[in-house]
Amino acid sequence: DRDPDAVSVLKKRLGGKNNVTIVHNTFSNIKSILNELNITGIDG
């Protein structure tokens, strides 16, 4: 999410889940986001 308020809430609500990564960015930057996370492909 690009909204910093949303990111703060996401960290509180989902930050403890091992399979969730929270990213403060715009969704059009999906390629660079995945590159930073060393993920080569997504399923959804």
ModelCIF file with pLDDT and N, C-alpha, C, O atoms, coordinates in Angstrom:
data_MODEL
#
_entry.id   MODEL 
#
_entity.id                         1 
_entity.type                       polymer 
_entity.pdbx_number_of_molecules   1 
#
_entity_poly.entity_id                      1 
_entity_poly.type                           'polypeptide(L)' 
_entity_poly.nstd_linkage                   no 
_entity_poly.nstd_monomer                   no 
_entity_poly.pdbx_seq_one_letter_code       DRDPDAVSVLKKRLGGKNNVTIVHNTFSNIKSILNELNITGIDG 
_entity_poly.pdbx_seq_one_letter_code_can   DRDPDAVSVLKKRLGGKNNVTIVHNTFSNIKSILNELNITGIDG 
_entity_poly.pdbx_strand_id                 A 
#
loop_
_entity_poly_seq.entity_id 
_entity_poly_seq.num 
_entity_poly_seq.mon_id 
_entity_poly_seq.hetero 
1 1  ASP n 
1 2  ARG n 
1 3  ASP n 
1 4  PRO n 
1 5  ASP n 
1 6  ALA n 
1 7  VAL n 
1 8  SER n 
1 9  VAL n 
1 10 LEU n 
1 11 LYS n 
1 12 LYS n 
1 13 ARG n 
1 14 LEU n 
1 15 GLY n 
1 16 GLY n 
1 17 LYS n 
1 18 ASN n 
1 19 ASN n 
1 20 VAL n 
1 21 THR n 
1 22 ILE n 
1 23 VAL n 
1 24 HIS n 
1 25 ASN n 
1 26 THR n 
1 27 PHE n 
1 28 SER n 
1 29 ASN n 
1 30 ILE n 
1 31 LYS n 
1 32 SER n 
1 33 ILE n 
1 34 LEU n 
1 35 ASN n 
1 36 GLU n 
1 37 LEU n 
1 38 ASN n 
1 39 ILE n 
1 40 THR n 
1 41 GLY n 
1 42 ILE n 
1 43 ASP n 
1 44 GLY n 
#
_struct_asym.id          A 
_struct_asym.entity_id   1 
#
loop_
_ma_qa_metric.id 
_ma_qa_metric.mode 
_ma_qa_metric.name 
_ma_qa_metric.software_group_id 
_ma_qa_metric.type 
1 global pLDDT . pLDDT 
2 local  pLDDT . pLDDT 
#
_ma_qa_metric_global.metric_id      1 
_ma_qa_metric_global.metric_value   97.18 
_ma_qa_metric_global.model_id       1 
_ma_qa_metric_global.ordinal_id     1 
#
loop_
_ma_qa_metric_local.label_asym_id 
_ma_qa_metric_local.label_comp_id 
_ma_qa_metric_local.label_seq_id 
_ma_qa_metric_local.metric_id 
_ma_qa_metric_local.metric_value 
_ma_qa_metric_local.model_id 
_ma_qa_metric_local.ordinal_id 
A ASP 1  2 97.00 1 1  
A ARG 2  2 97.00 1 2  
A ASP 3  2 96.00 1 3  
A PRO 4  2 96.00 1 4  
A ASP 5  2 95.00 1 5  
A ALA 6  2 95.00 1 6  
A VAL 7  2 97.00 1 7  
A SER 8  2 96.00 1 8  
A VAL 9  2 95.00 1 9  
A LEU 10 2 97.00 1 10 
A LYS 11 2 97.00 1 11 
A LYS 12 2 96.00 1 12 
A ARG 13 2 96.00 1 13 
A LEU 14 2 97.00 1 14 
A GLY 15 2 94.00 1 15 
A GLY 16 2 94.00 1 16 
A LYS 17 2 97.00 1 17 
A ASN 18 2 97.00 1 18 
A ASN 19 2 98.00 1 19 
A VAL 20 2 98.00 1 20 
A THR 21 2 98.00 1 21 
A ILE 22 2 98.00 1 22 
A VAL 23 2 98.00 1 23 
A HIS 24 2 98.00 1 24 
A ASN 25 2 98.00 1 25 
A THR 26 2 98.00 1 26 
A PHE 27 2 98.00 1 27 
A SER 28 2 98.00 1 28 
A ASN 29 2 98.00 1 29 
A ILE 30 2 98.00 1 30 
A LYS 31 2 98.00 1 31 
A SER 32 2 98.00 1 32 
A ILE 33 2 98.00 1 33 
A LEU 34 2 98.00 1 34 
A ASN 35 2 98.00 1 35 
A GLU 36 2 98.00 1 36 
A LEU 37 2 98.00 1 37 
A ASN 38 2 98.00 1 38 
A ILE 39 2 98.00 1 39 
A THR 40 2 97.00 1 40 
A GLY 41 2 98.00 1 41 
A ILE 42 2 98.00 1 42 
A ASP 43 2 98.00 1 43 
A GLY 44 2 98.00 1 44 
#
loop_
_atom_site.group_PDB 
_atom_site.id 
_atom_site.type_symbol 
_atom_site.label_atom_id 
_atom_site.label_alt_id 
_atom_site.label_comp_id 
_atom_site.label_asym_id 
_atom_site.label_entity_id 
_atom_site.label_seq_id 
_atom_site.pdbx_PDB_ins_code 
_atom_site.Cartn_x 
_atom_site.Cartn_y 
_atom_site.Cartn_z 
_atom_site.occupancy 
_atom_site.B_iso_or_equiv 
_atom_site.pdbx_formal_charge 
_atom_site.auth_seq_id 
_atom_site.auth_comp_id 
_atom_site.auth_asym_id 
_atom_site.auth_atom_id 
_atom_site.pdbx_PDB_model_num 
ATOM 1   N N  . ASP A 1 1  ? 0.850  -1.196  0.000   1.00 97.00 ? 1  ASP A N  1 
ATOM 2   C CA . ASP A 1 1  ? 0.000  0.000   0.000   1.00 97.00 ? 1  ASP A CA 1 
ATOM 3   C C  . ASP A 1 1  ? 0.881  1.240   0.000   1.00 97.00 ? 1  ASP A C  1 
ATOM 4   O O  . ASP A 1 1  ? 1.956  1.253   0.599   1.00 97.00 ? 1  ASP A O  1 
ATOM 5   N N  . ARG A 1 2  ? 0.411  2.282   -0.681  1.00 97.00 ? 2  ARG A N  1 
ATOM 6   C CA . ARG A 1 2  ? 1.192  3.525   -0.712  1.00 97.00 ? 2  ARG A CA 1 
ATOM 7   C C  . ARG A 1 2  ? 0.784  4.495   0.386   1.00 97.00 ? 2  ARG A C  1 
ATOM 8   O O  . ARG A 1 2  ? 1.457  5.502   0.607   1.00 97.00 ? 2  ARG A O  1 
ATOM 9   N N  . ASP A 1 3  ? -0.313 4.199   1.076   1.00 96.00 ? 3  ASP A N  1 
ATOM 10  C CA . ASP A 1 3  ? -0.800 5.063   2.144   1.00 96.00 ? 3  ASP A CA 1 
ATOM 11  C C  . ASP A 1 3  ? -0.067 4.720   3.438   1.00 96.00 ? 3  ASP A C  1 
ATOM 12  O O  . ASP A 1 3  ? -0.214 3.603   3.936   1.00 96.00 ? 3  ASP A O  1 
ATOM 13  N N  . PRO A 1 4  ? 0.713  5.636   3.996   1.00 96.00 ? 4  PRO A N  1 
ATOM 14  C CA . PRO A 1 4  ? 1.458  5.324   5.227   1.00 96.00 ? 4  PRO A CA 1 
ATOM 15  C C  . PRO A 1 4  ? 0.560  4.964   6.399   1.00 96.00 ? 4  PRO A C  1 
ATOM 16  O O  . PRO A 1 4  ? 0.959  4.187   7.265   1.00 96.00 ? 4  PRO A O  1 
ATOM 17  N N  . ASP A 1 5  ? -0.658 5.522   6.438   1.00 95.00 ? 5  ASP A N  1 
ATOM 18  C CA . ASP A 1 5  ? -1.594 5.154   7.507   1.00 95.00 ? 5  ASP A CA 1 
ATOM 19  C C  . ASP A 1 5  ? -1.980 3.685   7.379   1.00 95.00 ? 5  ASP A C  1 
ATOM 20  O O  . ASP A 1 5  ? -2.057 2.968   8.377   1.00 95.00 ? 5  ASP A O  1 
ATOM 21  N N  . ALA A 1 6  ? -2.221 3.242   6.147   1.00 95.00 ? 6  ALA A N  1 
ATOM 22  C CA . ALA A 1 6  ? -2.567 1.844   5.916   1.00 95.00 ? 6  ALA A CA 1 
ATOM 23  C C  . ALA A 1 6  ? -1.414 0.928   6.303   1.00 95.00 ? 6  ALA A C  1 
ATOM 24  O O  . ALA A 1 6  ? -1.629 -0.117  6.917   1.00 95.00 ? 6  ALA A O  1 
ATOM 25  N N  . VAL A 1 7  ? -0.206 1.310   5.950   1.00 97.00 ? 7  VAL A N  1 
ATOM 26  C CA . VAL A 1 7  ? 0.967  0.483   6.267   1.00 97.00 ? 7  VAL A CA 1 
ATOM 27  C C  . VAL A 1 7  ? 1.130  0.320   7.775   1.00 97.00 ? 7  VAL A C  1 
ATOM 28  O O  . VAL A 1 7  ? 1.468  -0.763  8.252   1.00 97.00 ? 7  VAL A O  1 
ATOM 29  N N  . SER A 1 8  ? 0.890  1.393   8.521   1.00 96.00 ? 8  SER A N  1 
ATOM 30  C CA . SER A 1 8  ? 0.974  1.315   9.989   1.00 96.00 ? 8  SER A CA 1 
ATOM 31  C C  . SER A 1 8  ? -0.033 0.325   10.543  1.00 96.00 ? 8  SER A C  1 
ATOM 32  O O  . SER A 1 8  ? 0.279  -0.456  11.442  1.00 96.00 ? 8  SER A O  1 
ATOM 33  N N  . VAL A 1 9  ? -1.253 0.359   9.997   1.00 95.00 ? 9  VAL A N  1 
ATOM 34  C CA . VAL A 1 9  ? -2.298 -0.558  10.443  1.00 95.00 ? 9  VAL A CA 1 
ATOM 35  C C  . VAL A 1 9  ? -1.953 -1.995  10.043  1.00 95.00 ? 9  VAL A C  1 
ATOM 36  O O  . VAL A 1 9  ? -2.141 -2.919  10.834  1.00 95.00 ? 9  VAL A O  1 
ATOM 37  N N  . LEU A 1 10 ? -1.452 -2.185  8.823   1.00 97.00 ? 10 LEU A N  1 
ATOM 38  C CA . LEU A 1 10 ? -1.070 -3.514  8.359   1.00 97.00 ? 10 LEU A CA 1 
ATOM 39  C C  . LEU A 1 10 ? -0.016 -4.141  9.273   1.00 97.00 ? 10 LEU A C  1 
ATOM 40  O O  . LEU A 1 10 ? -0.072 -5.335  9.566   1.00 97.00 ? 10 LEU A O  1 
ATOM 41  N N  . LYS A 1 11 ? 0.928  -3.343  9.713   1.00 97.00 ? 11 LYS A N  1 
ATOM 42  C CA . LYS A 1 11 ? 1.982  -3.864  10.590  1.00 97.00 ? 11 LYS A CA 1 
ATOM 43  C C  . LYS A 1 11 ? 1.409  -4.333  11.914  1.00 97.00 ? 11 LYS A C  1 
ATOM 44  O O  . LYS A 1 11 ? 1.870  -5.324  12.480  1.00 97.00 ? 11 LYS A O  1 
ATOM 45  N N  . LYS A 1 12 ? 0.391  -3.614  12.413  1.00 96.00 ? 12 LYS A N  1 
ATOM 46  C CA . LYS A 1 12 ? -0.238 -4.005  13.677  1.00 96.00 ? 12 LYS A CA 1 
ATOM 47  C C  . LYS A 1 12 ? -1.089 -5.263  13.505  1.00 96.00 ? 12 LYS A C  1 
ATOM 48  O O  . LYS A 1 12 ? -1.087 -6.149  14.360  1.00 96.00 ? 12 LYS A O  1 
ATOM 49  N N  . ARG A 1 13 ? -1.812 -5.328  12.395  1.00 96.00 ? 13 ARG A N  1 
ATOM 50  C CA . ARG A 1 13 ? -2.760 -6.423  12.202  1.00 96.00 ? 13 ARG A CA 1 
ATOM 51  C C  . ARG A 1 13 ? -2.129 -7.692  11.637  1.00 96.00 ? 13 ARG A C  1 
ATOM 52  O O  . ARG A 1 13 ? -2.523 -8.800  11.999  1.00 96.00 ? 13 ARG A O  1 
ATOM 53  N N  . LEU A 1 14 ? -1.156 -7.530  10.757  1.00 97.00 ? 14 LEU A N  1 
ATOM 54  C CA . LEU A 1 14 ? -0.602 -8.689  10.050  1.00 97.00 ? 14 LEU A CA 1 
ATOM 55  C C  . LEU A 1 14 ? 0.890  -8.882  10.261  1.00 97.00 ? 14 LEU A C  1 
ATOM 56  O O  . LEU A 1 14 ? 1.469  -9.848  9.763   1.00 97.00 ? 14 LEU A O  1 
ATOM 57  N N  . GLY A 1 15 ? 1.517  -7.972  10.995  1.00 94.00 ? 15 GLY A N  1 
ATOM 58  C CA . GLY A 1 15 ? 2.965  -8.036  11.164  1.00 94.00 ? 15 GLY A CA 1 
ATOM 59  C C  . GLY A 1 15 ? 3.464  -9.300  11.832  1.00 94.00 ? 15 GLY A C  1 
ATOM 60  O O  . GLY A 1 15 ? 4.626  -9.669  11.661  1.00 94.00 ? 15 GLY A O  1 
ATOM 61  N N  . GLY A 1 16 ? 2.610  -9.972  12.589  1.00 94.00 ? 16 GLY A N  1 
ATOM 62  C CA . GLY A 1 16 ? 3.028  -11.180 13.292  1.00 94.00 ? 16 GLY A CA 1 
ATOM 63  C C  . GLY A 1 16 ? 2.889  -12.446 12.478  1.00 94.00 ? 16 GLY A C  1 
ATOM 64  O O  . GLY A 1 16 ? 3.262  -13.519 12.951  1.00 94.00 ? 16 GLY A O  1 
ATOM 65  N N  . LYS A 1 17 ? 2.366  -12.355 11.268  1.00 97.00 ? 17 LYS A N  1 
ATOM 66  C CA . LYS A 1 17 ? 2.178  -13.535 10.423  1.00 97.00 ? 17 LYS A CA 1 
ATOM 67  C C  . LYS A 1 17 ? 3.456  -13.810 9.622   1.00 97.00 ? 17 LYS A C  1 
ATOM 68  O O  . LYS A 1 17 ? 3.948  -12.935 8.910   1.00 97.00 ? 17 LYS A O  1 
ATOM 69  N N  . ASN A 1 18 ? 3.978  -15.006 9.743   1.00 97.00 ? 18 ASN A N  1 
ATOM 70  C CA . ASN A 1 18 ? 5.241  -15.353 9.096   1.00 97.00 ? 18 ASN A CA 1 
ATOM 71  C C  . ASN A 1 18 ? 5.161  -15.344 7.573   1.00 97.00 ? 18 ASN A C  1 
ATOM 72  O O  . ASN A 1 18 ? 6.170  -15.136 6.899   1.00 97.00 ? 18 ASN A O  1 
ATOM 73  N N  . ASN A 1 19 ? 3.969  -15.569 7.031   1.00 98.00 ? 19 ASN A N  1 
ATOM 74  C CA . ASN A 1 19 ? 3.847  -15.650 5.575   1.00 98.00 ? 19 ASN A CA 1 
ATOM 75  C C  . ASN A 1 19 ? 3.334  -14.350 4.942   1.00 98.00 ? 19 ASN A C  1 
ATOM 76  O O  . ASN A 1 19 ? 2.908  -14.345 3.786   1.00 98.00 ? 19 ASN A O  1 
ATOM 77  N N  . VAL A 1 20 ? 3.376  -13.246 5.707   1.00 98.00 ? 20 VAL A N  1 
ATOM 78  C CA . VAL A 1 20 ? 2.960  -11.945 5.178   1.00 98.00 ? 20 VAL A CA 1 
ATOM 79  C C  . VAL A 1 20 ? 4.134  -10.972 5.205   1.00 98.00 ? 20 VAL A C  1 
ATOM 80  O O  . VAL A 1 20 ? 4.782  -10.793 6.236   1.00 98.00 ? 20 VAL A O  1 
ATOM 81  N N  . THR A 1 21 ? 4.401  -10.343 4.057   1.00 98.00 ? 21 THR A N  1 
ATOM 82  C CA . THR A 1 21 ? 5.409  -9.283  3.962   1.00 98.00 ? 21 THR A CA 1 
ATOM 83  C C  . THR A 1 21 ? 4.693  -7.985  3.623   1.00 98.00 ? 21 THR A C  1 
ATOM 84  O O  . THR A 1 21 ? 3.949  -7.926  2.644   1.00 98.00 ? 21 THR A O  1 
ATOM 85  N N  . ILE A 1 22 ? 4.908  -6.950  4.419   1.00 98.00 ? 22 ILE A N  1 
ATOM 86  C CA . ILE A 1 22 ? 4.236  -5.660  4.230   1.00 98.00 ? 22 ILE A CA 1 
ATOM 87  C C  . ILE A 1 22 ? 5.194  -4.700  3.553   1.00 98.00 ? 22 ILE A C  1 
ATOM 88  O O  . ILE A 1 22 ? 6.337  -4.541  3.983   1.00 98.00 ? 22 ILE A O  1 
ATOM 89  N N  . VAL A 1 23 ? 4.717  -4.053  2.481   1.00 98.00 ? 23 VAL A N  1 
ATOM 90  C CA . VAL A 1 23 ? 5.570  -3.171  1.679   1.00 98.00 ? 23 VAL A CA 1 
ATOM 91  C C  . VAL A 1 23 ? 4.893  -1.811  1.495   1.00 98.00 ? 23 VAL A C  1 
ATOM 92  O O  . VAL A 1 23 ? 3.744  -1.730  1.061   1.00 98.00 ? 23 VAL A O  1 
ATOM 93  N N  . HIS A 1 24 ? 5.621  -0.753  1.830   1.00 98.00 ? 24 HIS A N  1 
ATOM 94  C CA . HIS A 1 24 ? 5.125  0.606   1.591   1.00 98.00 ? 24 HIS A CA 1 
ATOM 95  C C  . HIS A 1 24 ? 5.611  1.053   0.216   1.00 98.00 ? 24 HIS A C  1 
ATOM 96  O O  . HIS A 1 24 ? 6.758  1.469   0.049   1.00 98.00 ? 24 HIS A O  1 
ATOM 97  N N  . ASN A 1 25 ? 4.712  0.958   -0.765  1.00 98.00 ? 25 ASN A N  1 
ATOM 98  C CA . ASN A 1 25 ? 5.087  1.278   -2.139  1.00 98.00 ? 25 ASN A CA 1 
ATOM 99  C C  . ASN A 1 25 ? 3.809  1.372   -2.969  1.00 98.00 ? 25 ASN A C  1 
ATOM 100 O O  . ASN A 1 25 ? 2.716  1.117   -2.462  1.00 98.00 ? 25 ASN A O  1 
ATOM 101 N N  . THR A 1 26 ? 3.944  1.735   -4.232  1.00 98.00 ? 26 THR A N  1 
ATOM 102 C CA . THR A 1 26 ? 2.798  1.756   -5.141  1.00 98.00 ? 26 THR A CA 1 
ATOM 103 C C  . THR A 1 26 ? 2.758  0.448   -5.917  1.00 98.00 ? 26 THR A C  1 
ATOM 104 O O  . THR A 1 26 ? 3.797  -0.122  -6.250  1.00 98.00 ? 26 THR A O  1 
ATOM 105 N N  . PHE A 1 27 ? 1.541  -0.022  -6.203  1.00 98.00 ? 27 PHE A N  1 
ATOM 106 C CA . PHE A 1 27 ? 1.401  -1.351  -6.805  1.00 98.00 ? 27 PHE A CA 1 
ATOM 107 C C  . PHE A 1 27 ? 1.955  -1.445  -8.219  1.00 98.00 ? 27 PHE A C  1 
ATOM 108 O O  . PHE A 1 27 ? 2.222  -2.547  -8.697  1.00 98.00 ? 27 PHE A O  1 
ATOM 109 N N  . SER A 1 28 ? 2.136  -0.314  -8.903  1.00 98.00 ? 28 SER A N  1 
ATOM 110 C CA . SER A 1 28 ? 2.721  -0.372  -10.243 1.00 98.00 ? 28 SER A CA 1 
ATOM 111 C C  . SER A 1 28 ? 4.197  -0.760  -10.200 1.00 98.00 ? 28 SER A C  1 
ATOM 112 O O  . SER A 1 28 ? 4.764  -1.172  -11.212 1.00 98.00 ? 28 SER A O  1 
ATOM 113 N N  . ASN A 1 29 ? 4.816  -0.627  -9.028  1.00 98.00 ? 29 ASN A N  1 
ATOM 114 C CA . ASN A 1 29 ? 6.235  -0.983  -8.874  1.00 98.00 ? 29 ASN A CA 1 
ATOM 115 C C  . ASN A 1 29 ? 6.423  -2.451  -8.515  1.00 98.00 ? 29 ASN A C  1 
ATOM 116 O O  . ASN A 1 29 ? 7.405  -2.806  -7.862  1.00 98.00 ? 29 ASN A O  1 
ATOM 117 N N  . ILE A 1 30 ? 5.496  -3.306  -8.930  1.00 98.00 ? 30 ILE A N  1 
ATOM 118 C CA . ILE A 1 30 ? 5.514  -4.710  -8.557  1.00 98.00 ? 30 ILE A CA 1 
ATOM 119 C C  . ILE A 1 30 ? 6.828  -5.404  -8.950  1.00 98.00 ? 30 ILE A C  1 
ATOM 120 O O  . ILE A 1 30 ? 7.306  -6.273  -8.221  1.00 98.00 ? 30 ILE A O  1 
ATOM 121 N N  . LYS A 1 31 ? 7.402  -5.031  -10.078 1.00 98.00 ? 31 LYS A N  1 
ATOM 122 C CA . LYS A 1 31 ? 8.641  -5.696  -10.512 1.00 98.00 ? 31 LYS A CA 1 
ATOM 123 C C  . LYS A 1 31 ? 9.793  -5.410  -9.548  1.00 98.00 ? 31 LYS A C  1 
ATOM 124 O O  . LYS A 1 31 ? 10.521 -6.324  -9.161  1.00 98.00 ? 31 LYS A O  1 
ATOM 125 N N  . SER A 1 32 ? 9.957  -4.150  -9.165  1.00 98.00 ? 32 SER A N  1 
ATOM 126 C CA . SER A 1 32 ? 11.050 -3.810  -8.252  1.00 98.00 ? 32 SER A CA 1 
ATOM 127 C C  . SER A 1 32 ? 10.784 -4.357  -6.852  1.00 98.00 ? 32 SER A C  1 
ATOM 128 O O  . SER A 1 32 ? 11.719 -4.737  -6.147  1.00 98.00 ? 32 SER A O  1 
ATOM 129 N N  . ILE A 1 33 ? 9.521  -4.397  -6.448  1.00 98.00 ? 33 ILE A N  1 
ATOM 130 C CA . ILE A 1 33 ? 9.172  -4.962  -5.143  1.00 98.00 ? 33 ILE A CA 1 
ATOM 131 C C  . ILE A 1 33 ? 9.576  -6.431  -5.080  1.00 98.00 ? 33 ILE A C  1 
ATOM 132 O O  . ILE A 1 33 ? 10.200 -6.873  -4.115  1.00 98.00 ? 33 ILE A O  1 
ATOM 133 N N  . LEU A 1 34 ? 9.216  -7.175  -6.109  1.00 98.00 ? 34 LEU A N  1 
ATOM 134 C CA . LEU A 1 34 ? 9.550  -8.604  -6.138  1.00 98.00 ? 34 LEU A CA 1 
ATOM 135 C C  . LEU A 1 34 ? 11.050 -8.827  -6.243  1.00 98.00 ? 34 LEU A C  1 
ATOM 136 O O  . LEU A 1 34 ? 11.594 -9.757  -5.648  1.00 98.00 ? 34 LEU A O  1 
ATOM 137 N N  . ASN A 1 35 ? 11.710 -7.967  -7.004  1.00 98.00 ? 35 ASN A N  1 
ATOM 138 C CA . ASN A 1 35 ? 13.159 -8.086  -7.154  1.00 98.00 ? 35 ASN A CA 1 
ATOM 139 C C  . ASN A 1 35 ? 13.863 -7.918  -5.809  1.00 98.00 ? 35 ASN A C  1 
ATOM 140 O O  . ASN A 1 35 ? 14.806 -8.646  -5.499  1.00 98.00 ? 35 ASN A O  1 
ATOM 141 N N  . GLU A 1 36 ? 13.399 -6.951  -5.011  1.00 98.00 ? 36 GLU A N  1 
ATOM 142 C CA . GLU A 1 36 ? 13.999 -6.728  -3.689  1.00 98.00 ? 36 GLU A CA 1 
ATOM 143 C C  . GLU A 1 36 ? 13.741 -7.901  -2.748  1.00 98.00 ? 36 GLU A C  1 
ATOM 144 O O  . GLU A 1 36 ? 14.519 -8.160  -1.830  1.00 98.00 ? 36 GLU A O  1 
ATOM 145 N N  . LEU A 1 37 ? 12.639 -8.602  -2.991  1.00 98.00 ? 37 LEU A N  1 
ATOM 146 C CA . LEU A 1 37 ? 12.300 -9.746  -2.146  1.00 98.00 ? 37 LEU A CA 1 
ATOM 147 C C  . LEU A 1 37 ? 12.847 -11.069 -2.707  1.00 98.00 ? 37 LEU A C  1 
ATOM 148 O O  . LEU A 1 37 ? 12.605 -12.139 -2.148  1.00 98.00 ? 37 LEU A O  1 
ATOM 149 N N  . ASN A 1 38 ? 13.588 -10.974 -3.821  1.00 98.00 ? 38 ASN A N  1 
ATOM 150 C CA . ASN A 1 38 ? 14.163 -12.157 -4.487  1.00 98.00 ? 38 ASN A CA 1 
ATOM 151 C C  . ASN A 1 38 ? 13.089 -13.168 -4.881  1.00 98.00 ? 38 ASN A C  1 
ATOM 152 O O  . ASN A 1 38 ? 13.277 -14.377 -4.748  1.00 98.00 ? 38 ASN A O  1 
ATOM 153 N N  . ILE A 1 39 ? 11.965 -12.653 -5.367  1.00 98.00 ? 39 ILE A N  1 
ATOM 154 C CA . ILE A 1 39 ? 10.870 -13.492 -5.842  1.00 98.00 ? 39 ILE A CA 1 
ATOM 155 C C  . ILE A 1 39 ? 10.802 -13.363 -7.363  1.00 98.00 ? 39 ILE A C  1 
ATOM 156 O O  . ILE A 1 39 ? 10.706 -12.251 -7.884  1.00 98.00 ? 39 ILE A O  1 
ATOM 157 N N  . THR A 1 40 ? 10.850 -14.472 -8.069  1.00 97.00 ? 40 THR A N  1 
ATOM 158 C CA . THR A 1 40 ? 10.912 -14.445 -9.535  1.00 97.00 ? 40 THR A CA 1 
ATOM 159 C C  . THR A 1 40 ? 9.552  -14.522 -10.211 1.00 97.00 ? 40 THR A C  1 
ATOM 160 O O  . THR A 1 40 ? 9.428  -14.180 -11.387 1.00 97.00 ? 40 THR A O  1 
ATOM 161 N N  . GLY A 1 41 ? 8.534  -14.963 -9.488  1.00 98.00 ? 41 GLY A N  1 
ATOM 162 C CA . GLY A 1 41 ? 7.207  -15.060 -10.091 1.00 98.00 ? 41 GLY A CA 1 
ATOM 163 C C  . GLY A 1 41 ? 6.131  -15.158 -9.031  1.00 98.00 ? 41 GLY A C  1 
ATOM 164 O O  . GLY A 1 41 ? 6.384  -15.613 -7.916  1.00 98.00 ? 41 GLY A O  1 
ATOM 165 N N  . ILE A 1 42 ? 4.909  -14.721 -9.387  1.00 98.00 ? 42 ILE A N  1 
ATOM 166 C CA . ILE A 1 42 ? 3.785  -14.766 -8.448  1.00 98.00 ? 42 ILE A CA 1 
ATOM 167 C C  . ILE A 1 42 ? 2.624  -15.548 -9.069  1.00 98.00 ? 42 ILE A C  1 
ATOM 168 O O  . ILE A 1 42 ? 2.563  -15.749 -10.282 1.00 98.00 ? 42 ILE A O  1 
ATOM 169 N N  . ASP A 1 43 ? 1.709  -15.982 -8.204  1.00 98.00 ? 43 ASP A N  1 
ATOM 170 C CA . ASP A 1 43 ? 0.563  -16.772 -8.653  1.00 98.00 ? 43 ASP A CA 1 
ATOM 171 C C  . ASP A 1 43 ? -0.747 -15.998 -8.616  1.00 98.00 ? 43 ASP A C  1 
ATOM 172 O O  . ASP A 1 43 ? -1.767 -16.466 -9.124  1.00 98.00 ? 43 ASP A O  1 
ATOM 173 N N  . GLY A 1 44 ? -0.717 -14.823 -8.018  1.00 98.00 ? 44 GLY A N  1 
ATOM 174 C CA . GLY A 1 44 ? -1.934 -14.016 -7.954  1.00 98.00 ? 44 GLY A CA 1 
ATOM 175 C C  . GLY A 1 44 ? -1.614 -12.557 -7.688  1.00 98.00 ? 44 GLY A C  1 
ATOM 176 O O  . GLY A 1 44 ? -2.523 -11.731 -7.603  1.00 98.00 ? 44 GLY A O  1 
#
